[in-house]
């Protein structure tokens, strides 16, 4: 019951569970290219279809990833005309986690492709009650 309530909360906020699940690997991928500020990373998420995520959720994810040792951050006081901004960097552990995510995504894609192939084949055959 607890998990179902959480899912509803995410939907009310405009997120999908898929978006939340893909946020961490996508942030790691973006940081794989180099350091980034929070808003730069949020913009980068939108390039992968994750534009509906609340920025506060992104910052919470970044803090969590920093606590896990996947990223580090520091204040950038020189490269900004406004107040200092936090710059995030991928760590060696974060790079290893990203490689794990990529393997897992490939495995998941294989499973999804198998389900889709089976369904499409069944529909093409045109037999059975649900066509």
N, C-alpha and C. Protein backbone atom coordinates (compact mmCIF):
# COMPACT_ATOMS: atom_id res chain seq x y z
N UNK A 1 0.82 -1.19 0.00
CA UNK A 1 0.00 0.00 0.00
C UNK A 1 0.87 1.26 0.00
N UNK A 2 1.97 1.20 0.73
CA UNK A 2 2.86 2.36 0.82
C UNK A 2 3.39 2.76 -0.55
N UNK A 3 3.82 1.77 -1.35
CA UNK A 3 4.36 2.07 -2.67
C UNK A 3 3.34 2.68 -3.60
N UNK A 4 2.08 2.24 -3.47
CA UNK A 4 1.04 2.78 -4.34
C UNK A 4 0.80 4.25 -4.04
N UNK A 5 0.81 4.63 -2.79
CA UNK A 5 0.62 6.03 -2.42
C UNK A 5 1.74 6.91 -2.95
N UNK A 6 2.95 6.38 -2.88
CA UNK A 6 4.09 7.15 -3.40
C UNK A 6 3.95 7.39 -4.88
N UNK A 7 3.51 6.38 -5.63
CA UNK A 7 3.33 6.54 -7.07
C UNK A 7 2.32 7.61 -7.40
N UNK A 8 1.25 7.65 -6.63
CA UNK A 8 0.24 8.68 -6.85
C UNK A 8 0.81 10.06 -6.59
N UNK A 9 1.63 10.18 -5.56
CA UNK A 9 2.23 11.48 -5.24
C UNK A 9 3.08 11.96 -6.41
N UNK A 10 3.88 11.06 -7.00
CA UNK A 10 4.71 11.45 -8.14
C UNK A 10 3.83 11.89 -9.30
N UNK A 11 2.74 11.16 -9.57
CA UNK A 11 1.86 11.53 -10.68
C UNK A 11 1.22 12.88 -10.44
N UNK A 12 0.80 13.16 -9.20
CA UNK A 12 0.20 14.46 -8.90
C UNK A 12 1.17 15.59 -9.21
N UNK A 13 2.43 15.35 -9.00
CA UNK A 13 3.43 16.39 -9.24
C UNK A 13 3.82 16.47 -10.71
N UNK A 14 3.29 15.60 -11.55
CA UNK A 14 3.59 15.65 -12.97
C UNK A 14 4.74 14.78 -13.40
N UNK A 15 5.27 13.96 -12.50
CA UNK A 15 6.37 13.07 -12.85
C UNK A 15 5.78 11.71 -13.20
N UNK A 16 6.51 10.98 -13.96
CA UNK A 16 6.17 9.57 -14.12
C UNK A 16 7.20 8.78 -13.33
N UNK A 17 6.84 7.56 -12.97
CA UNK A 17 7.82 6.72 -12.27
C UNK A 17 9.05 6.51 -13.15
N UNK A 18 8.81 6.40 -14.45
CA UNK A 18 9.92 6.21 -15.38
C UNK A 18 10.88 7.38 -15.29
N UNK A 19 10.35 8.60 -15.24
CA UNK A 19 11.22 9.78 -15.18
C UNK A 19 12.07 9.75 -13.92
N UNK A 20 11.47 9.39 -12.81
CA UNK A 20 12.21 9.34 -11.55
C UNK A 20 13.29 8.27 -11.61
N UNK A 21 12.96 7.11 -12.18
CA UNK A 21 13.94 6.02 -12.28
C UNK A 21 15.11 6.38 -13.20
N UNK A 22 14.85 7.17 -14.22
CA UNK A 22 15.90 7.50 -15.17
C UNK A 22 16.67 8.76 -14.79
N UNK A 23 16.25 9.45 -13.76
CA UNK A 23 16.93 10.70 -13.41
C UNK A 23 18.38 10.46 -13.00
N UNK A 24 18.65 9.53 -12.09
CA UNK A 24 20.02 9.31 -11.64
C UNK A 24 20.97 8.90 -12.77
N UNK A 25 20.62 7.87 -13.57
CA UNK A 25 21.58 7.53 -14.63
C UNK A 25 21.76 8.65 -15.63
N UNK A 26 20.71 9.43 -15.87
CA UNK A 26 20.84 10.54 -16.82
C UNK A 26 21.72 11.63 -16.25
N UNK A 27 21.58 11.94 -14.97
CA UNK A 27 22.48 12.92 -14.35
C UNK A 27 23.92 12.44 -14.40
N UNK A 28 24.14 11.16 -14.11
CA UNK A 28 25.50 10.62 -14.19
C UNK A 28 26.04 10.72 -15.61
N UNK A 29 25.20 10.43 -16.60
CA UNK A 29 25.62 10.55 -18.00
C UNK A 29 26.00 11.99 -18.33
N UNK A 30 25.17 12.94 -17.92
CA UNK A 30 25.49 14.34 -18.19
C UNK A 30 26.81 14.76 -17.54
N UNK A 31 27.05 14.29 -16.32
CA UNK A 31 28.30 14.63 -15.64
C UNK A 31 29.49 13.86 -16.21
N UNK A 32 29.21 12.78 -16.92
CA UNK A 32 30.29 12.04 -17.59
C UNK A 32 30.97 12.92 -18.63
N UNK A 33 30.20 13.85 -19.21
CA UNK A 33 30.76 14.77 -20.20
C UNK A 33 31.57 15.89 -19.56
N UNK A 34 31.36 16.12 -18.27
CA UNK A 34 32.09 17.17 -17.58
C UNK A 34 31.25 17.78 -16.47
N UNK A 35 31.88 18.59 -15.62
CA UNK A 35 31.17 19.21 -14.50
C UNK A 35 30.00 20.06 -14.98
N UNK A 36 29.03 20.23 -14.10
CA UNK A 36 27.89 21.07 -14.45
C UNK A 36 27.21 21.67 -13.24
N UNK A 37 26.60 22.83 -13.46
CA UNK A 37 25.77 23.48 -12.45
C UNK A 37 24.40 22.81 -12.45
N UNK A 38 23.68 22.99 -11.37
CA UNK A 38 22.36 22.38 -11.25
C UNK A 38 21.44 22.71 -12.41
N UNK A 39 21.31 24.00 -12.76
CA UNK A 39 20.39 24.36 -13.83
C UNK A 39 20.85 23.84 -15.19
N UNK A 40 22.14 23.75 -15.40
CA UNK A 40 22.65 23.15 -16.64
C UNK A 40 22.25 21.69 -16.71
N UNK A 41 22.33 21.00 -15.57
CA UNK A 41 21.94 19.58 -15.53
C UNK A 41 20.44 19.43 -15.74
N UNK A 42 19.65 20.32 -15.15
CA UNK A 42 18.20 20.27 -15.33
C UNK A 42 17.86 20.46 -16.80
N UNK A 43 18.51 21.40 -17.47
CA UNK A 43 18.31 21.59 -18.91
C UNK A 43 18.70 20.34 -19.67
N UNK A 44 19.80 19.72 -19.27
CA UNK A 44 20.24 18.50 -19.93
C UNK A 44 19.25 17.36 -19.78
N UNK A 45 18.60 17.26 -18.62
CA UNK A 45 17.58 16.23 -18.41
C UNK A 45 16.46 16.36 -19.44
N UNK A 46 16.10 17.59 -19.76
CA UNK A 46 15.00 17.80 -20.71
C UNK A 46 15.34 17.24 -22.09
N UNK A 47 16.61 17.18 -22.43
CA UNK A 47 17.01 16.62 -23.72
C UNK A 47 16.73 15.12 -23.80
N UNK A 48 16.52 14.49 -22.63
CA UNK A 48 16.24 13.05 -22.57
C UNK A 48 14.79 12.78 -22.17
N UNK A 49 13.93 13.80 -22.34
CA UNK A 49 12.51 13.64 -22.05
C UNK A 49 12.15 13.76 -20.59
N UNK A 50 13.04 14.29 -19.78
CA UNK A 50 12.80 14.39 -18.33
C UNK A 50 12.57 15.83 -17.91
N UNK A 51 11.86 16.59 -18.73
CA UNK A 51 11.66 18.01 -18.43
C UNK A 51 10.60 18.26 -17.38
N UNK A 52 9.76 17.30 -17.05
CA UNK A 52 8.67 17.52 -16.09
C UNK A 52 9.11 17.37 -14.64
N UNK A 53 10.36 17.08 -14.40
CA UNK A 53 10.83 16.86 -13.04
C UNK A 53 11.07 18.21 -12.35
N UNK A 54 10.54 18.32 -11.15
CA UNK A 54 10.70 19.52 -10.34
C UNK A 54 12.19 19.71 -10.02
N UNK A 55 12.72 20.92 -10.19
CA UNK A 55 14.14 21.15 -9.89
C UNK A 55 14.53 20.73 -8.48
N UNK A 56 13.62 20.87 -7.51
CA UNK A 56 13.98 20.48 -6.14
C UNK A 56 14.24 18.97 -6.07
N UNK A 57 13.54 18.17 -6.88
CA UNK A 57 13.79 16.73 -6.92
C UNK A 57 15.17 16.44 -7.50
N UNK A 58 15.57 17.24 -8.47
CA UNK A 58 16.90 17.06 -9.08
C UNK A 58 17.98 17.37 -8.04
N UNK A 59 17.81 18.47 -7.31
CA UNK A 59 18.81 18.82 -6.29
C UNK A 59 18.84 17.79 -5.17
N UNK A 60 17.69 17.24 -4.79
CA UNK A 60 17.68 16.17 -3.79
C UNK A 60 18.44 14.95 -4.31
N UNK A 61 18.22 14.62 -5.58
CA UNK A 61 18.93 13.48 -6.17
C UNK A 61 20.43 13.74 -6.19
N UNK A 62 20.84 14.94 -6.54
CA UNK A 62 22.27 15.27 -6.56
C UNK A 62 22.87 15.18 -5.16
N UNK A 63 22.14 15.67 -4.16
CA UNK A 63 22.64 15.55 -2.77
C UNK A 63 22.77 14.08 -2.37
N UNK A 64 21.77 13.29 -2.74
CA UNK A 64 21.82 11.85 -2.43
C UNK A 64 22.99 11.17 -3.12
N UNK A 65 23.23 11.53 -4.38
CA UNK A 65 24.34 10.94 -5.11
C UNK A 65 25.67 11.40 -4.51
N UNK A 66 25.70 12.61 -3.99
CA UNK A 66 26.93 13.08 -3.33
C UNK A 66 27.16 12.30 -2.03
N UNK A 67 26.09 12.04 -1.28
CA UNK A 67 26.21 11.25 -0.05
C UNK A 67 26.70 9.83 -0.34
N UNK A 68 26.34 9.29 -1.51
CA UNK A 68 26.77 7.94 -1.90
C UNK A 68 28.18 7.94 -2.48
N UNK A 69 28.73 9.12 -2.73
CA UNK A 69 30.07 9.21 -3.29
C UNK A 69 30.12 9.13 -4.81
N UNK A 70 28.97 9.25 -5.46
CA UNK A 70 28.92 9.19 -6.92
C UNK A 70 29.32 10.50 -7.56
N UNK A 71 29.07 11.61 -6.87
CA UNK A 71 29.43 12.94 -7.35
C UNK A 71 30.04 13.73 -6.20
N UNK A 72 30.77 14.75 -6.55
CA UNK A 72 31.24 15.73 -5.58
C UNK A 72 30.75 17.09 -6.06
N UNK A 73 30.81 18.06 -5.18
CA UNK A 73 30.41 19.41 -5.60
C UNK A 73 31.28 20.44 -4.89
N UNK A 74 31.31 21.59 -5.49
CA UNK A 74 32.04 22.72 -4.91
C UNK A 74 31.35 24.00 -5.35
N UNK A 75 31.56 25.05 -4.60
CA UNK A 75 30.96 26.34 -4.95
C UNK A 75 31.81 27.03 -6.00
N UNK A 76 31.17 27.52 -7.04
CA UNK A 76 31.84 28.28 -8.10
C UNK A 76 31.54 29.76 -7.85
N UNK A 77 32.51 30.46 -7.35
CA UNK A 77 32.31 31.87 -7.05
C UNK A 77 32.88 32.78 -8.13
N UNK A 78 33.62 32.21 -9.08
CA UNK A 78 34.30 33.03 -10.08
C UNK A 78 33.59 33.06 -11.42
N UNK A 79 32.90 32.02 -11.81
CA UNK A 79 32.34 31.91 -13.15
C UNK A 79 30.91 32.43 -13.26
N UNK A 80 30.42 33.15 -12.28
CA UNK A 80 29.04 33.59 -12.29
C UNK A 80 28.95 35.09 -12.02
N UNK A 81 27.96 35.73 -12.63
CA UNK A 81 27.74 37.15 -12.37
C UNK A 81 26.82 37.34 -11.18
N UNK A 82 26.09 36.32 -10.81
CA UNK A 82 25.19 36.38 -9.66
C UNK A 82 25.81 35.71 -8.46
N UNK A 83 24.95 35.14 -7.63
CA UNK A 83 25.48 34.44 -6.44
C UNK A 83 26.25 33.19 -6.84
N UNK A 84 27.12 32.71 -5.98
CA UNK A 84 27.88 31.48 -6.28
C UNK A 84 26.94 30.31 -6.56
N UNK A 85 27.37 29.44 -7.45
CA UNK A 85 26.57 28.25 -7.79
C UNK A 85 27.40 27.01 -7.51
N UNK A 86 26.69 25.94 -7.17
CA UNK A 86 27.34 24.67 -6.90
C UNK A 86 27.63 23.98 -8.23
N UNK A 87 28.85 23.48 -8.37
CA UNK A 87 29.26 22.73 -9.56
C UNK A 87 29.45 21.28 -9.15
N UNK A 88 28.84 20.38 -9.93
CA UNK A 88 28.89 18.95 -9.63
C UNK A 88 29.89 18.27 -10.56
N UNK A 89 30.61 17.29 -10.00
CA UNK A 89 31.61 16.52 -10.73
C UNK A 89 31.34 15.03 -10.52
N UNK A 90 31.53 14.24 -11.55
CA UNK A 90 31.41 12.79 -11.46
C UNK A 90 32.67 12.23 -10.79
N UNK A 91 32.49 11.30 -9.87
CA UNK A 91 33.63 10.63 -9.24
C UNK A 91 33.90 9.31 -9.97
N UNK A 92 35.00 8.66 -9.61
CA UNK A 92 35.31 7.35 -10.18
C UNK A 92 34.21 6.35 -9.82
N UNK A 93 33.72 6.41 -8.59
CA UNK A 93 32.62 5.52 -8.20
C UNK A 93 31.37 5.83 -9.01
N UNK A 94 31.08 7.10 -9.23
CA UNK A 94 29.94 7.49 -10.06
C UNK A 94 30.06 6.97 -11.48
N UNK A 95 31.27 6.98 -12.01
CA UNK A 95 31.51 6.44 -13.35
C UNK A 95 31.25 4.93 -13.37
N UNK A 96 31.65 4.24 -12.31
CA UNK A 96 31.40 2.81 -12.21
C UNK A 96 29.89 2.53 -12.11
N UNK A 97 29.18 3.35 -11.33
CA UNK A 97 27.73 3.20 -11.20
C UNK A 97 27.06 3.45 -12.55
N UNK A 98 27.53 4.45 -13.29
CA UNK A 98 26.98 4.72 -14.62
C UNK A 98 27.16 3.52 -15.53
N UNK A 99 28.33 2.89 -15.50
CA UNK A 99 28.54 1.68 -16.32
C UNK A 99 27.57 0.57 -15.92
N UNK A 100 27.32 0.42 -14.61
CA UNK A 100 26.35 -0.57 -14.15
C UNK A 100 24.96 -0.24 -14.69
N UNK A 101 24.56 1.05 -14.59
CA UNK A 101 23.26 1.47 -15.11
C UNK A 101 23.13 1.16 -16.59
N UNK A 102 24.17 1.43 -17.35
CA UNK A 102 24.12 1.19 -18.81
C UNK A 102 23.93 -0.29 -19.08
N UNK A 103 24.66 -1.15 -18.37
CA UNK A 103 24.46 -2.61 -18.54
C UNK A 103 23.03 -3.00 -18.19
N UNK A 104 22.52 -2.46 -17.08
CA UNK A 104 21.16 -2.77 -16.66
C UNK A 104 20.14 -2.27 -17.69
N UNK A 105 20.34 -1.08 -18.22
CA UNK A 105 19.43 -0.56 -19.24
C UNK A 105 19.45 -1.42 -20.50
N UNK A 106 20.63 -1.89 -20.90
CA UNK A 106 20.71 -2.78 -22.06
C UNK A 106 19.96 -4.09 -21.81
N UNK A 107 20.13 -4.66 -20.61
CA UNK A 107 19.41 -5.88 -20.26
C UNK A 107 17.90 -5.63 -20.27
N UNK A 108 17.48 -4.51 -19.70
CA UNK A 108 16.06 -4.16 -19.66
C UNK A 108 15.52 -3.97 -21.07
N UNK A 109 16.29 -3.30 -21.92
CA UNK A 109 15.86 -3.11 -23.31
C UNK A 109 15.67 -4.46 -23.99
N UNK A 110 16.55 -5.41 -23.74
CA UNK A 110 16.40 -6.74 -24.32
C UNK A 110 15.12 -7.41 -23.87
N UNK A 111 14.78 -7.29 -22.59
CA UNK A 111 13.54 -7.87 -22.07
C UNK A 111 12.33 -7.19 -22.71
N UNK A 112 12.35 -5.87 -22.81
CA UNK A 112 11.24 -5.14 -23.41
C UNK A 112 11.09 -5.53 -24.87
N UNK A 113 12.20 -5.61 -25.60
CA UNK A 113 12.14 -6.00 -27.01
C UNK A 113 11.52 -7.38 -27.15
N UNK A 114 11.84 -8.31 -26.25
CA UNK A 114 11.26 -9.65 -26.31
C UNK A 114 9.76 -9.63 -26.09
N UNK A 115 9.31 -8.84 -25.13
CA UNK A 115 7.87 -8.72 -24.87
C UNK A 115 7.16 -8.12 -26.08
N UNK A 116 7.72 -7.06 -26.64
CA UNK A 116 7.11 -6.42 -27.80
C UNK A 116 7.07 -7.35 -29.01
N UNK A 117 8.16 -8.08 -29.25
CA UNK A 117 8.19 -9.03 -30.38
C UNK A 117 7.11 -10.09 -30.23
N UNK A 118 6.99 -10.63 -29.02
CA UNK A 118 5.99 -11.67 -28.78
C UNK A 118 4.59 -11.13 -28.99
N UNK A 119 4.31 -9.95 -28.47
CA UNK A 119 2.99 -9.35 -28.64
C UNK A 119 2.69 -9.08 -30.11
N UNK A 120 3.65 -8.49 -30.81
CA UNK A 120 3.44 -8.17 -32.22
C UNK A 120 3.24 -9.43 -33.05
N UNK A 121 3.99 -10.47 -32.75
CA UNK A 121 3.82 -11.74 -33.46
C UNK A 121 2.42 -12.30 -33.20
N UNK A 122 1.99 -12.26 -31.96
CA UNK A 122 0.65 -12.75 -31.60
C UNK A 122 -0.42 -11.95 -32.34
N UNK A 123 -0.27 -10.64 -32.39
CA UNK A 123 -1.26 -9.80 -33.07
C UNK A 123 -1.24 -10.05 -34.58
N UNK A 124 -0.08 -10.29 -35.16
CA UNK A 124 0.02 -10.56 -36.59
C UNK A 124 -0.66 -11.89 -36.95
N UNK A 125 -0.57 -12.85 -36.06
CA UNK A 125 -1.20 -14.15 -36.32
C UNK A 125 -2.72 -14.03 -36.34
N UNK A 126 -3.26 -13.07 -35.62
CA UNK A 126 -4.69 -12.82 -35.66
C UNK A 126 -5.57 -13.89 -35.07
N UNK A 127 -5.03 -14.70 -34.20
CA UNK A 127 -5.83 -15.74 -33.60
C UNK A 127 -6.03 -15.45 -32.12
N UNK A 128 -7.12 -15.94 -31.59
CA UNK A 128 -7.39 -15.76 -30.17
C UNK A 128 -8.42 -14.70 -29.92
N UNK A 129 -8.78 -14.59 -28.67
CA UNK A 129 -9.88 -13.74 -28.28
C UNK A 129 -9.56 -12.24 -28.35
N UNK A 130 -8.34 -11.84 -28.12
CA UNK A 130 -8.01 -10.41 -27.97
C UNK A 130 -7.21 -9.87 -29.15
N UNK A 131 -7.92 -9.65 -30.26
CA UNK A 131 -7.26 -9.07 -31.44
C UNK A 131 -8.03 -7.89 -31.94
